[in-house]
Protein backbone atom coordinates (compact mmCIF):
# COMPACT_ATOMS: atom_id res chain seq x y z
CA MET A 1 3.39 -4.12 -8.32
CA LEU A 2 4.42 -0.68 -7.53
CA ASP A 3 2.39 0.56 -10.38
CA LYS A 4 -0.64 -0.78 -9.02
CA LEU A 5 0.26 0.76 -5.66
CA GLU A 6 0.87 4.05 -7.34
CA ALA A 7 -2.78 4.06 -8.72
CA ILE A 8 -4.06 3.16 -5.26
CA LYS A 9 -2.11 5.98 -3.88
CA ALA A 10 -3.69 8.39 -6.63
CA ARG A 11 -7.06 7.31 -5.86
CA PHE A 12 -6.33 7.73 -2.09
CA ASP A 13 -5.25 11.54 -2.88
CA GLN A 14 -8.26 12.11 -4.95
CA VAL A 15 -10.58 10.94 -2.16
CA GLY A 16 -8.74 12.98 0.34
CA ILE A 17 -9.18 16.16 -1.77
CA ALA A 18 -13.14 15.05 -2.43
CA LEU A 19 -13.47 14.91 1.39
CA THR A 20 -12.50 18.61 1.59
CA ASN A 21 -15.30 19.69 -0.94
CA PRO A 22 -18.08 21.49 0.80
CA GLU A 23 -20.69 19.86 -1.35
CA ILE A 24 -19.48 16.26 -0.27
CA ILE A 25 -19.27 17.62 3.36
CA ASN A 26 -22.83 18.77 3.33
CA ASP A 27 -24.05 15.36 1.83
CA GLN A 28 -23.62 12.94 4.89
CA LYS A 29 -24.26 9.78 2.52
CA GLN A 30 -21.51 10.71 0.11
CA PHE A 31 -19.18 11.85 3.00
CA GLY A 32 -19.57 8.60 4.70
CA THR A 33 -18.91 6.70 1.36
CA TYR A 34 -15.69 8.67 0.63
CA SER A 35 -14.64 8.28 4.40
CA LYS A 36 -15.03 4.76 4.31
CA GLU A 37 -13.13 4.31 1.07
CA TYR A 38 -10.21 6.76 2.37
CA ARG A 39 -9.93 4.55 5.57
CA SER A 40 -9.62 1.48 3.36
CA LEU A 41 -7.07 3.08 1.02
CA GLU A 42 -4.95 4.55 3.86
CA LYS A 43 -4.12 0.89 4.98
CA ILE A 44 -2.61 0.18 1.77
CA VAL A 45 -0.91 3.74 0.98
CA GLN A 46 0.78 4.08 4.36
CA PRO A 47 2.92 0.89 4.21
CA TYR A 48 3.53 1.78 0.44
CA GLU A 49 4.81 5.18 1.26
CA ALA A 50 6.98 4.00 3.87
CA TYR A 51 8.51 1.42 1.51
CA VAL A 52 9.14 4.13 -1.14
CA ARG A 53 10.78 6.35 1.42
CA VAL A 54 13.20 3.59 2.47
CA LEU A 55 13.73 2.82 -1.36
CA ALA A 56 14.81 6.47 -1.99
CA ASP A 57 16.87 6.59 1.27
CA HIS A 58 18.60 3.30 -0.10
CA ALA A 59 19.29 4.71 -3.44
CA PHE A 60 20.47 8.04 -2.01
CA ALA A 61 22.96 6.35 0.61
CA LYS A 62 24.34 3.91 -2.37
CA GLU A 63 24.83 7.04 -4.50
CA SER A 64 26.47 9.03 -1.53
CA GLN A 65 29.18 6.03 -1.26
CA ASN A 66 30.57 7.16 -4.53
CA SER A 67 30.70 10.92 -3.49
CA SER A 68 33.82 12.92 -3.80
CA ASP A 69 32.74 14.45 -0.42
CA GLU A 70 34.45 12.23 2.41
CA GLU A 71 31.96 13.25 5.04
CA MET A 72 29.12 12.20 2.73
CA ARG A 73 30.76 8.82 2.06
CA GLU A 74 31.37 8.10 5.81
CA LEU A 75 27.58 9.12 6.66
CA ALA A 76 26.43 6.99 3.90
CA LYS A 77 28.75 4.02 5.15
CA MET A 78 27.27 4.29 8.69
CA GLU A 79 23.43 4.81 7.46
CA LEU A 80 23.38 2.15 4.93
CA PRO A 81 23.24 -1.06 7.25
CA ASP A 82 20.15 0.50 9.11
CA ILE A 83 18.45 1.54 5.93
CA GLU A 84 19.12 -1.97 4.42
CA ILE A 85 17.47 -3.72 7.59
CA LYS A 86 14.59 -1.33 7.14
CA LYS A 87 14.21 -2.24 3.57
CA GLU A 88 14.44 -5.97 4.25
CA GLN A 89 11.98 -5.84 7.16
CA LEU A 90 9.38 -3.97 4.76
CA GLU A 91 9.78 -6.43 2.00
CA ALA A 92 9.41 -9.31 4.68
CA ALA A 93 6.05 -7.82 5.77
CA ARG A 94 4.82 -7.30 2.25
CA VAL A 95 5.54 -11.02 1.85
CA ALA A 96 4.15 -12.01 4.94
CA LYS A 97 0.74 -9.86 4.56
CA VAL A 98 -1.48 -9.69 1.46
CA TYR A 99 -4.13 -7.45 1.01
CA CYS A 100 -7.09 -8.97 -0.78
CA ILE A 101 -8.90 -6.57 -2.92
CA PHE A 102 -11.98 -9.09 -3.04
CA CYS A 103 -12.49 -8.96 0.73
CA ASN A 104 -10.91 -5.68 1.46
CA ARG A 105 -8.70 -7.12 4.23
CA PHE A 106 -4.99 -8.04 5.04
CA TYR A 107 -4.30 -11.65 5.27
CA SER A 108 -1.10 -13.73 6.29
CA HIS A 109 -0.53 -16.88 3.99
CA SER A 110 1.87 -19.57 3.81
CA GLY A 111 2.27 -20.55 0.12
CA LEU A 112 0.03 -19.28 -2.69
CA LEU A 113 -3.16 -17.46 -2.34
CA SER A 114 -5.90 -18.60 -4.31
CA HIS A 115 -9.35 -16.87 -5.14
CA SER A 116 -11.94 -18.17 -7.33
CA ARG A 117 -14.33 -15.63 -8.34
CA SER A 118 -17.76 -16.50 -10.12
CA ASP A 119 -19.53 -13.48 -11.53
CA VAL A 120 -23.27 -14.05 -11.50
CA HIS A 121 -25.33 -11.29 -13.20
CA LYS A 122 -28.89 -10.95 -12.11
CA ASN A 123 -30.88 -7.66 -12.71
CA ASN A 124 -27.55 -5.85 -13.16
CA VAL A 125 -26.35 -6.95 -9.82
CA LYS A 126 -22.90 -8.64 -9.73
CA SER A 127 -22.40 -11.07 -6.87
CA TYR A 128 -19.09 -12.84 -6.16
CA THR A 129 -18.22 -16.05 -4.45
CA LEU A 130 -14.83 -16.17 -3.03
CA ASN A 131 -12.88 -19.25 -1.74
CA HIS A 132 -9.97 -18.00 0.41
CA GLU A 133 -6.99 -20.15 1.23
CA HIS A 134 -5.44 -17.55 3.58
CA LYS A 135 -5.64 -17.03 7.33
CA ASN A 136 -7.18 -13.82 8.88
CA ILE A 137 -4.71 -11.73 10.49
């Protein structure tokens, strides 16, 4: 899961760099397309980055508990409960909200998500039929 999110973040970074390209800025159609993709990816990347920061803070606090420095151990002992709460909240939010790549939206769900996708190729056009069993947030 984190690998897929890392790939999405890499694409987000690429699109952000592309949006600074003068050629793209001068082409309104291309700029609009990249801007829309950037906004869409941003909804995924921001929570992912917050989660990665909390994981790094959690690992550092755990490691600091074994430090030879008494002050570092005390600081880690004080900070760890708050970090664990943040981590649990982000993990609960991740379970409660699912980003559907087919319809490009977040959904809440109870139980399993199911999508059925039928691809129909006509004149090189691919159309998708989606059956959602989740509720719109």
